[in-house]
Amino acid sequence: MRRSRIRLPQVSSASIRPAANRKNRNNMKIGVVGIGDLTSGKTNLFDNRIDTLGKILASPKQVYIQLEIICDNEKIKEAEGIICLESAKLDLIINDLEFVETRLDRCGDGLEKTLLIRFKEQLDKEGLLSGLVLSDEEKAIVSGYPLLTYKPVFFATQKDLEDRQRLLMSAYSSFGYISFFTSNEKEVRGWSLKKGSNAWDAAGCIHTDIQKGFIRAEVVSYQDIINDAGLSQARHNNHIRLENKDYIVCDGDYILFRFNR
């Protein structure tokens, strides 16, 4: 594979630390490579559904999911997903390949070495590490690696760059996250959740006390709220259902949690 000089971070094996166990939070870090229109800092993930719910439910405040954009080369390894142009793909691959080769020279025989050899073969073919299927044991090994292509990568097109909010929403979805909604007399709020997570996980997004005391979740889809013009009619039409903690949350679910205080 042809190599070129890049400016992405190089991290020695001595600096490896276990990755944060991020399953559910109301914010996420997104790394950006080679896109000058996106600058470092926090920004809202604007979701028109939250605005619509705010009007229907008469909530005075709308709270969006928050993103932290990371462009700093030394901090990009903290990102949970990466946005870049297709032309920057080789930079990501070379960054990871150099780390893998350095690590291979220092590790002994065993599962880690076997895994690193697989990584090198994938990168030599200019493939992303996220395309490999790993066992739970292998995932535990790689959890401390500062590898960029092991993270989900969204390759932005020129059309994506024309609309910043559409770009962020497309990347957010491609990284495997969905949004669910809650409200009270003060606000309607969007929450970030990994796709495939259940109602118990969603409760933990809001507060650990809600998760610990979880009883049931009242769930109604965003579309049913719109069609019914509110929660009262949705309840009358039997569109609000009771779900247990194993219910897999869908994108756009509106949830009211019942829990022991």
C-alpha atoms as a PDB file:
ATOM      1  CA  MET A   1       0.000   0.000   0.000  1.00  0.00           C
ATOM      2  CA  ARG A   2       1.260   3.457  -0.878  1.00  0.00           C
ATOM      3  CA  ARG A   3       2.035   5.538   2.205  1.00  0.00           C
ATOM      4  CA  SER A   4       2.025   9.260   2.610  1.00  0.00           C
ATOM      5  CA  ARG A   5       2.932  11.567   5.456  1.00  0.00           C
ATOM      6  CA  ILE A   6      -0.043  12.440   7.634  1.00  0.00           C
ATOM      7  CA  ARG A   7      -0.727  14.733  10.573  1.00  0.00           C
ATOM      8  CA  LEU A   8      -3.010  12.539  12.632  1.00  0.00           C
ATOM      9  CA  PRO A   9      -2.003  11.633  16.198  1.00  0.00           C
ATOM     10  CA  GLN A  10       0.497   8.876  16.837  1.00  0.00           C
ATOM     11  CA  VAL A  11       0.031   7.193  20.194  1.00  0.00           C
ATOM     12  CA  SER A  12       2.609   4.904  21.747  1.00  0.00           C
ATOM     13  CA  SER A  13       1.605   1.668  23.429  1.00  0.00           C
ATOM     14  CA  ALA A  14       2.699   3.132  26.747  1.00  0.00           C
ATOM     15  CA  SER A  15      -0.123   5.681  26.567  1.00  0.00           C
ATOM     16  CA  ILE A  16      -2.931   3.175  26.058  1.00  0.00           C
ATOM     17  CA  ARG A  17      -5.770   3.530  28.540  1.00  0.00           C
ATOM     18  CA  PRO A  18      -9.057   1.616  28.747  1.00  0.00           C
ATOM     19  CA  ALA A  19     -11.731   3.290  26.654  1.00  0.00           C
ATOM     20  CA  ALA A  20     -14.638   4.941  28.426  1.00  0.00           C
ATOM     21  CA  ASN A  21     -17.683   2.712  28.640  1.00  0.00           C
ATOM     22  CA  ARG A  22     -20.070   4.988  26.790  1.00  0.00           C
ATOM     23  CA  LYS A  23     -23.377   3.361  26.140  1.00  0.00           C
ATOM     24  CA  ASN A  24     -25.833   6.145  26.707  1.00  0.00           C
ATOM     25  CA  ARG A  25     -25.382   9.839  27.333  1.00  0.00           C
ATOM     26  CA  ASN A  26     -27.113  12.956  26.108  1.00  0.00           C
ATOM     27  CA  ASN A  27     -23.988  14.043  24.268  1.00  0.00           C
ATOM     28  CA  MET A  28     -21.397  12.439  22.062  1.00  0.00           C
ATOM     29  CA  LYS A  29     -17.981  13.285  20.664  1.00  0.00           C
ATOM     30  CA  ILE A  30     -17.495  13.347  16.903  1.00  0.00           C
ATOM     31  CA  GLY A  31     -14.070  13.628  15.316  1.00  0.00           C
ATOM     32  CA  VAL A  32     -13.651  15.555  12.081  1.00  0.00           C
ATOM     33  CA  VAL A  33     -10.836  15.014   9.575  1.00  0.00           C
ATOM     34  CA  GLY A  34     -10.190  17.235   6.569  1.00  0.00           C
ATOM     35  CA  ILE A  35     -13.426  19.285   6.691  1.00  0.00           C
ATOM     36  CA  GLY A  36     -12.678  22.943   7.334  1.00  0.00           C
ATOM     37  CA  ASP A  37     -16.333  23.961   7.649  1.00  0.00           C
ATOM     38  CA  LEU A  38     -16.638  22.073  10.945  1.00  0.00           C
ATOM     39  CA  THR A  39     -14.734  23.571  13.867  1.00  0.00           C
ATOM     40  CA  SER A  40     -14.104  22.267  17.377  1.00  0.00           C
ATOM     41  CA  GLY A  41     -16.719  22.978  20.015  1.00  0.00           C
ATOM     42  CA  LYS A  42     -20.121  21.963  21.294  1.00  0.00           C
ATOM     43  CA  THR A  43     -23.198  22.190  19.132  1.00  0.00           C
ATOM     44  CA  ASN A  44     -26.811  21.059  19.224  1.00  0.00           C
ATOM     45  CA  LEU A  45     -28.050  18.236  17.048  1.00  0.00           C
ATOM     46  CA  PHE A  46     -31.133  20.048  15.834  1.00  0.00           C
ATOM     47  CA  ASP A  47     -34.090  17.707  15.417  1.00  0.00           C
ATOM     48  CA  ASN A  48     -37.291  19.107  13.929  1.00  0.00           C
ATOM     49  CA  ARG A  49     -39.277  16.448  15.784  1.00  0.00           C
ATOM     50  CA  ILE A  50     -38.401  18.106  19.097  1.00  0.00           C
ATOM     51  CA  ASP A  51     -39.724  21.445  17.806  1.00  0.00           C
ATOM     52  CA  THR A  52     -42.956  19.796  16.657  1.00  0.00           C
ATOM     53  CA  LEU A  53     -43.433  17.981  19.965  1.00  0.00           C
ATOM     54  CA  GLY A  54     -42.813  21.234  21.800  1.00  0.00           C
ATOM     55  CA  LYS A  55     -45.723  22.841  19.979  1.00  0.00           C
ATOM     56  CA  ILE A  56     -48.115  19.914  20.357  1.00  0.00           C
ATOM     57  CA  LEU A  57     -47.286  19.317  24.029  1.00  0.00           C
ATOM     58  CA  ALA A  58     -47.090  23.058  24.816  1.00  0.00           C
ATOM     59  CA  SER A  59     -43.599  22.721  26.283  1.00  0.00           C
ATOM     60  CA  PRO A  60     -41.922  26.136  26.654  1.00  0.00           C
ATOM     61  CA  LYS A  61     -38.397  24.803  26.165  1.00  0.00           C
ATOM     62  CA  GLN A  62     -36.798  22.425  23.658  1.00  0.00           C
ATOM     63  CA  VAL A  63     -33.587  20.631  24.613  1.00  0.00           C
ATOM     64  CA  TYR A  64     -31.562  18.984  21.854  1.00  0.00           C
ATOM     65  CA  ILE A  65     -28.933  16.277  21.975  1.00  0.00           C
ATOM     66  CA  GLN A  66     -25.515  17.891  22.278  1.00  0.00           C
ATOM     67  CA  LEU A  67     -22.520  17.020  20.151  1.00  0.00           C
ATOM     68  CA  GLU A  68     -18.893  17.869  20.770  1.00  0.00           C
ATOM     69  CA  ILE A  69     -16.961  18.369  17.551  1.00  0.00           C
ATOM     70  CA  ILE A  70     -13.270  17.456  17.831  1.00  0.00           C
ATOM     71  CA  CYS A  71     -10.830  18.655  15.181  1.00  0.00           C
ATOM     72  CA  ASP A  72      -7.703  18.630  17.340  1.00  0.00           C
ATOM     73  CA  ASN A  73      -5.368  15.889  16.118  1.00  0.00           C
ATOM     74  CA  GLU A  74      -4.302  14.995  19.646  1.00  0.00           C
ATOM     75  CA  LYS A  75      -7.873  14.645  20.933  1.00  0.00           C
ATOM     76  CA  ILE A  76      -9.550  12.957  17.992  1.00  0.00           C
ATOM     77  CA  LYS A  77      -8.841   9.540  19.491  1.00  0.00           C
ATOM     78  CA  GLU A  78     -11.505  10.408  22.120  1.00  0.00           C
ATOM     79  CA  ALA A  79     -14.219  10.607  19.463  1.00  0.00           C
ATOM     80  CA  GLU A  80     -16.963   8.008  19.256  1.00  0.00           C
ATOM     81  CA  GLY A  81     -17.250   8.361  15.506  1.00  0.00           C
ATOM     82  CA  ILE A  82     -15.434  10.193  12.728  1.00  0.00           C
ATOM     83  CA  ILE A  83     -16.600  12.351   9.844  1.00  0.00           C
ATOM     84  CA  CYS A  84     -14.201  12.767   6.941  1.00  0.00           C
ATOM     85  CA  LEU A  85     -14.029  13.082   3.196  1.00  0.00           C
ATOM     86  CA  GLU A  86     -13.323   9.995   1.120  1.00  0.00           C
ATOM     87  CA  SER A  87     -10.002  11.619   0.180  1.00  0.00           C
ATOM     88  CA  ALA A  88      -8.922  11.445   3.858  1.00  0.00           C
ATOM     89  CA  LYS A  89      -9.568   7.705   4.163  1.00  0.00           C
ATOM     90  CA  LEU A  90      -5.933   6.804   3.505  1.00  0.00           C
ATOM     91  CA  ASP A  91      -4.803   9.148   6.284  1.00  0.00           C
ATOM     92  CA  LEU A  92      -6.929   7.275   8.807  1.00  0.00           C
ATOM     93  CA  ILE A  93      -5.664   3.919   7.590  1.00  0.00           C
ATOM     94  CA  ILE A  94      -2.000   4.895   7.711  1.00  0.00           C
ATOM     95  CA  ASN A  95      -2.426   6.294  11.207  1.00  0.00           C
ATOM     96  CA  ASP A  96      -3.776   2.955  12.413  1.00  0.00           C
ATOM     97  CA  LEU A  97      -1.258   0.909  10.434  1.00  0.00           C
ATOM     98  CA  GLU A  98       1.674   2.659  12.048  1.00  0.00           C
ATOM     99  CA  PHE A  99       0.238   2.013  15.511  1.00  0.00           C
ATOM    100  CA  VAL A 100      -0.451  -1.653  14.704  1.00  0.00           C
ATOM    101  CA  GLU A 101       3.077  -2.219  13.368  1.00  0.00           C
ATOM    102  CA  THR A 102       4.611  -0.588  16.442  1.00  0.00           C
ATOM    103  CA  ARG A 103       2.446  -2.666  18.744  1.00  0.00           C
ATOM    104  CA  LEU A 104       3.291  -5.864  16.848  1.00  0.00           C
ATOM    105  CA  ASP A 105       6.985  -5.291  17.436  1.00  0.00           C
ATOM    106  CA  ARG A 106       6.410  -5.090  21.194  1.00  0.00           C
ATOM    107  CA  CYS A 107       3.794  -7.726  21.989  1.00  0.00           C
ATOM    108  CA  GLY A 108       4.438 -11.397  22.563  1.00  0.00           C
ATOM    109  CA  ASP A 109       2.723 -14.375  21.019  1.00  0.00           C
ATOM    110  CA  GLY A 110      -0.922 -14.931  21.823  1.00  0.00           C
ATOM    111  CA  LEU A 111      -4.378 -13.611  20.990  1.00  0.00           C
ATOM    112  CA  GLU A 112      -3.248  -9.988  20.855  1.00  0.00           C
ATOM    113  CA  LYS A 113      -0.596 -10.740  18.256  1.00  0.00           C
ATOM    114  CA  THR A 114      -3.053 -12.774  16.183  1.00  0.00           C
ATOM    115  CA  LEU A 115      -5.517  -9.901  16.324  1.00  0.00           C
ATOM    116  CA  LEU A 116      -2.900  -7.339  15.342  1.00  0.00           C
ATOM    117  CA  ILE A 117      -1.887  -9.458  12.361  1.00  0.00           C
ATOM    118  CA  ARG A 118      -5.545  -9.476  11.243  1.00  0.00           C
ATOM    119  CA  PHE A 119      -5.626  -5.727  11.658  1.00  0.00           C
ATOM    120  CA  LYS A 120      -2.479  -5.272   9.581  1.00  0.00           C
ATOM    121  CA  GLU A 121      -3.852  -7.443   6.788  1.00  0.00           C
ATOM    122  CA  GLN A 122      -7.087  -5.430   6.733  1.00  0.00           C
ATOM    123  CA  LEU A 123      -5.270  -2.099   6.710  1.00  0.00           C
ATOM    124  CA  ASP A 124      -2.829  -3.226   4.030  1.00  0.00           C
ATOM    125  CA  LYS A 125      -5.866  -3.818   1.818  1.00  0.00           C
ATOM    126  CA  GLU A 126      -6.984  -0.238   2.634  1.00  0.00           C
ATOM    127  CA  GLY A 127      -9.949  -1.595   4.565  1.00  0.00           C
ATOM    128  CA  LEU A 128     -11.385  -0.119   7.749  1.00  0.00           C
ATOM    129  CA  LEU A 129     -11.006  -2.064  10.987  1.00  0.00           C
ATOM    130  CA  SER A 130     -14.691  -1.496  11.703  1.00  0.00           C
ATOM    131  CA  GLY A 131     -15.356  -3.979   8.898  1.00  0.00           C
ATOM    132  CA  LEU A 132     -13.934  -6.867  10.924  1.00  0.00           C
ATOM    133  CA  VAL A 133     -16.032  -9.098  13.163  1.00  0.00           C
ATOM    134  CA  LEU A 134     -14.412  -9.544  16.584  1.00  0.00           C
ATOM    135  CA  SER A 135     -15.119 -11.881  19.483  1.00  0.00           C
ATOM    136  CA  ASP A 136     -15.897 -10.454  22.916  1.00  0.00           C
ATOM    137  CA  GLU A 137     -12.365 -11.300  24.016  1.00  0.00           C
ATOM    138  CA  GLU A 138     -10.892  -9.500  21.020  1.00  0.00           C
ATOM    139  CA  LYS A 139     -13.122  -6.493  21.666  1.00  0.00           C
ATOM    140  CA  ALA A 140     -11.758  -6.338  25.211  1.00  0.00           C
ATOM    141  CA  ILE A 141      -8.217  -6.212  23.837  1.00  0.00           C
ATOM    142  CA  VAL A 142      -8.931  -3.496  21.291  1.00  0.00           C
ATOM    143  CA  SER A 143     -10.936  -1.361  23.731  1.00  0.00           C
ATOM    144  CA  GLY A 144      -7.751   0.374  24.843  1.00  0.00           C
ATOM    145  CA  TYR A 145      -6.310   0.939  21.376  1.00  0.00           C
ATOM    146  CA  PRO A 146      -6.396   4.483  19.913  1.00  0.00           C
ATOM    147  CA  LEU A 147      -7.403   3.173  16.496  1.00  0.00           C
ATOM    148  CA  LEU A 148      -9.396   5.544  14.331  1.00  0.00           C
ATOM    149  CA  THR A 149     -10.816   3.156  11.734  1.00  0.00           C
ATOM    150  CA  TYR A 150     -12.109   0.832  14.450  1.00  0.00           C
ATOM    151  CA  LYS A 151     -14.567   3.623  15.193  1.00  0.00           C
ATOM    152  CA  PRO A 152     -17.529   4.150  12.866  1.00  0.00           C
ATOM    153  CA  VAL A 153     -16.548   6.467  10.008  1.00  0.00           C
ATOM    154  CA  PHE A 154     -18.964   8.578   7.983  1.00  0.00           C
ATOM    155  CA  PHE A 155     -17.592   9.593   4.582  1.00  0.00           C
ATOM    156  CA  ALA A 156     -19.163  12.938   3.719  1.00  0.00           C
ATOM    157  CA  THR A 157     -20.030  13.858   0.147  1.00  0.00           C
ATOM    158  CA  GLN A 158     -19.947  17.361  -1.289  1.00  0.00           C
ATOM    159  CA  LYS A 159     -23.741  17.402  -1.042  1.00  0.00           C
ATOM    160  CA  ASP A 160     -23.518  16.571   2.679  1.00  0.00           C
ATOM    161  CA  LEU A 161     -21.247  19.566   3.185  1.00  0.00           C
ATOM    162  CA  GLU A 162     -23.895  21.923   1.834  1.00  0.00           C
ATOM    163  CA  ASP A 163     -26.045  21.462   4.956  1.00  0.00           C
ATOM    164  CA  ARG A 164     -24.187  21.282   8.272  1.00  0.00           C
ATOM    165  CA  GLN A 165     -27.145  20.024  10.287  1.00  0.00           C
ATOM    166  CA  ARG A 166     -28.004  17.360   7.750  1.00  0.00           C
ATOM    167  CA  LEU A 167     -24.382  16.250   7.774  1.00  0.00           C
ATOM    168  CA  LEU A 168     -24.337  15.901  11.562  1.00  0.00           C
ATOM    169  CA  MET A 169     -27.659  14.066  11.657  1.00  0.00           C
ATOM    170  CA  SER A 170     -26.584  11.674   8.901  1.00  0.00           C
ATOM    171  CA  ALA A 171     -23.318  10.946  10.690  1.00  0.00           C
ATOM    172  CA  TYR A 172     -25.069  10.512  14.045  1.00  0.00           C
ATOM    173  CA  SER A 173     -27.433   7.929  12.538  1.00  0.00           C
ATOM    174  CA  SER A 174     -24.671   6.129  10.651  1.00  0.00           C
ATOM    175  CA  PHE A 175     -22.707   5.765  13.900  1.00  0.00           C
ATOM    176  CA  GLY A 176     -25.549   3.581  15.187  1.00  0.00           C
ATOM    177  CA  TYR A 177     -27.440   6.017  17.433  1.00  0.00           C
ATOM    178  CA  ILE A 178     -31.137   6.795  17.688  1.00  0.00           C
ATOM    179  CA  SER A 179     -33.116   9.439  19.564  1.00  0.00           C
ATOM    180  CA  PHE A 180     -35.996   9.117  21.986  1.00  0.00           C
ATOM    181  CA  PHE A 181     -38.016  11.885  23.627  1.00  0.00           C
ATOM    182  CA  THR A 182     -39.368  12.853  27.032  1.00  0.00           C
ATOM    183  CA  SER A 183     -41.204  15.893  28.324  1.00  0.00           C
ATOM    184  CA  ASN A 184     -42.553  17.573  31.421  1.00  0.00           C
ATOM    185  CA  GLU A 185     -44.242  20.884  32.151  1.00  0.00           C
ATOM    186  CA  LYS A 186     -40.978  22.731  31.511  1.00  0.00           C
ATOM    187  CA  GLU A 187     -39.414  21.108  28.444  1.00  0.00           C
ATOM    188  CA  VAL A 188     -39.365  18.478  25.741  1.00  0.00           C
ATOM    189  CA  ARG A 189     -35.984  16.795  25.446  1.00  0.00           C
ATOM    190  CA  GLY A 190     -34.170  14.509  23.030  1.00  0.00           C
ATOM    191  CA  TRP A 191     -31.925  11.731  24.302  1.00  0.00           C
ATOM    192  CA  SER A 192     -29.148   9.819  22.554  1.00  0.00           C
ATOM    193  CA  LEU A 193     -29.256   6.025  22.670  1.00  0.00           C
ATOM    194  CA  LYS A 194     -27.301   3.285  20.968  1.00  0.00           C
ATOM    195  CA  LYS A 195     -29.453   1.447  18.441  1.00  0.00           C
ATOM    196  CA  GLY A 196     -30.598  -1.883  19.863  1.00  0.00           C
ATOM    197  CA  SER A 197     -30.689  -0.648  23.469  1.00  0.00           C
ATOM    198  CA  ASN A 198     -33.658  -1.445  25.679  1.00  0.00           C
ATOM    199  CA  ALA A 199     -35.956   0.607  27.882  1.00  0.00           C
ATOM    200  CA  TRP A 200     -33.823  -0.081  30.957  1.00  0.00           C
ATOM    201  CA  ASP A 201     -30.811   1.400  29.125  1.00  0.00           C
ATOM    202  CA  ALA A 202     -32.908   4.394  28.111  1.00  0.00           C
ATOM    203  CA  ALA A 203     -33.938   4.976  31.722  1.00  0.00           C
ATOM    204  CA  GLY A 204     -30.257   5.119  32.652  1.00  0.00           C
ATOM    205  CA  CYS A 205     -29.745   7.939  30.159  1.00  0.00           C
ATOM    206  CA  ILE A 206     -31.978  10.143  32.247  1.00  0.00           C
ATOM    207  CA  HIS A 207     -30.963   9.151  35.780  1.00  0.00           C
ATOM    208  CA  THR A 208     -29.568   6.075  37.523  1.00  0.00           C
ATOM    209  CA  ASP A 209     -32.382   6.295  40.096  1.00  0.00           C
ATOM    210  CA  ILE A 210     -34.948   5.863  37.324  1.00  0.00           C
ATOM    211  CA  GLN A 211     -33.021   2.881  36.013  1.00  0.00           C
ATOM    212  CA  LYS A 212     -32.684   1.247  39.443  1.00  0.00           C
ATOM    213  CA  GLY A 213     -36.363   1.742  40.270  1.00  0.00           C
ATOM    214  CA  PHE A 214     -37.665   0.882  36.796  1.00  0.00           C
ATOM    215  CA  ILE A 215     -41.198  -0.566  36.764  1.00  0.00           C
ATOM    216  CA  ARG A 216     -42.612   0.029  33.287  1.00  0.00           C
ATOM    217  CA  ALA A 217     -42.260   2.411  30.379  1.00  0.00           C
ATOM    218  CA  GLU A 218     -45.217   4.094  28.714  1.00  0.00           C
ATOM    219  CA  VAL A 219     -44.257   4.295  25.044  1.00  0.00           C
ATOM    220  CA  VAL A 220     -45.845   5.995  22.055  1.00  0.00           C
ATOM    221  CA  SER A 221     -44.278   6.676  18.693  1.00  0.00           C
ATOM    222  CA  TYR A 222     -43.593  10.201  17.517  1.00  0.00           C
ATOM    223  CA  GLN A 223     -45.773   9.625  14.458  1.00  0.00           C
ATOM    224  CA  ASP A 224     -48.748   8.510  16.574  1.00  0.00           C
ATOM    225  CA  ILE A 225     -48.471  11.671  18.678  1.00  0.00           C
ATOM    226  CA  ILE A 226     -48.517  13.742  15.489  1.00  0.00           C
ATOM    227  CA  ASN A 227     -51.428  11.819  13.988  1.00  0.00           C
ATOM    228  CA  ASP A 228     -53.377  12.005  17.251  1.00  0.00           C
ATOM    229  CA  ALA A 229     -52.461  15.660  17.848  1.00  0.00           C
ATOM    230  CA  GLY A 230     -51.322  14.977  21.398  1.00  0.00           C
ATOM    231  CA  LEU A 231     -50.961  12.465  24.207  1.00  0.00           C
ATOM    232  CA  SER A 232     -54.576  12.533  25.372  1.00  0.00           C
ATOM    233  CA  GLN A 233     -55.927  11.383  22.026  1.00  0.00           C
ATOM    234  CA  ALA A 234     -53.065   8.937  21.641  1.00  0.00           C
ATOM    235  CA  ARG A 235     -54.105   7.342  24.939  1.00  0.00           C
ATOM    236  CA  HIS A 236     -57.750   7.341  23.845  1.00  0.00           C
ATOM    237  CA  ASN A 237     -56.720   5.578  20.613  1.00  0.00           C
ATOM    238  CA  ASN A 238     -54.725   2.979  22.565  1.00  0.00           C
ATOM    239  CA  HIS A 239     -51.487   4.102  20.953  1.00  0.00           C
ATOM    240  CA  ILE A 240     -49.720   4.382  24.313  1.00  0.00           C
ATOM    241  CA  ARG A 241     -48.510   0.980  25.428  1.00  0.00           C
ATOM    242  CA  LEU A 242     -46.832  -0.368  28.557  1.00  0.00           C
ATOM    243  CA  GLU A 243     -43.441  -1.974  27.968  1.00  0.00           C
ATOM    244  CA  ASN A 244     -41.042  -3.794  30.292  1.00  0.00           C
ATOM    245  CA  LYS A 245     -37.329  -3.152  30.647  1.00  0.00           C
ATOM    246  CA  ASP A 246     -36.415  -5.495  27.767  1.00  0.00           C
ATOM    247  CA  TYR A 247     -38.347  -3.481  25.183  1.00  0.00           C
ATOM    248  CA  ILE A 248     -36.028  -2.390  22.355  1.00  0.00           C
ATOM    249  CA  VAL A 249     -36.383   1.357  21.963  1.00  0.00           C
ATOM    250  CA  CYS A 250     -37.109   2.648  18.460  1.00  0.00           C
ATOM    251  CA  ASP A 251     -35.989   5.933  16.967  1.00  0.00           C
ATOM    252  CA  GLY A 252     -38.628   8.562  17.683  1.00  0.00           C
ATOM    253  CA  ASP A 253     -40.195   6.835  20.698  1.00  0.00           C
ATOM    254  CA  TYR A 254     -41.726   9.149  23.292  1.00  0.00           C
ATOM    255  CA  ILE A 255     -41.307   7.539  26.722  1.00  0.00           C
ATOM    256  CA  LEU A 256     -42.696   8.128  30.198  1.00  0.00           C
ATOM    257  CA  PHE A 257     -40.932   6.005  32.801  1.00  0.00           C
ATOM    258  CA  ARG A 258     -42.707   4.559  35.823  1.00  0.00           C
ATOM    259  CA  PHE A 259     -40.296   3.839  38.642  1.00  0.00           C
ATOM    260  CA  ASN A 260     -40.014   3.373  42.393  1.00  0.00           C
ATOM    261  CA  ARG A 261     -38.592   6.450  44.058  1.00  0.00           C
END
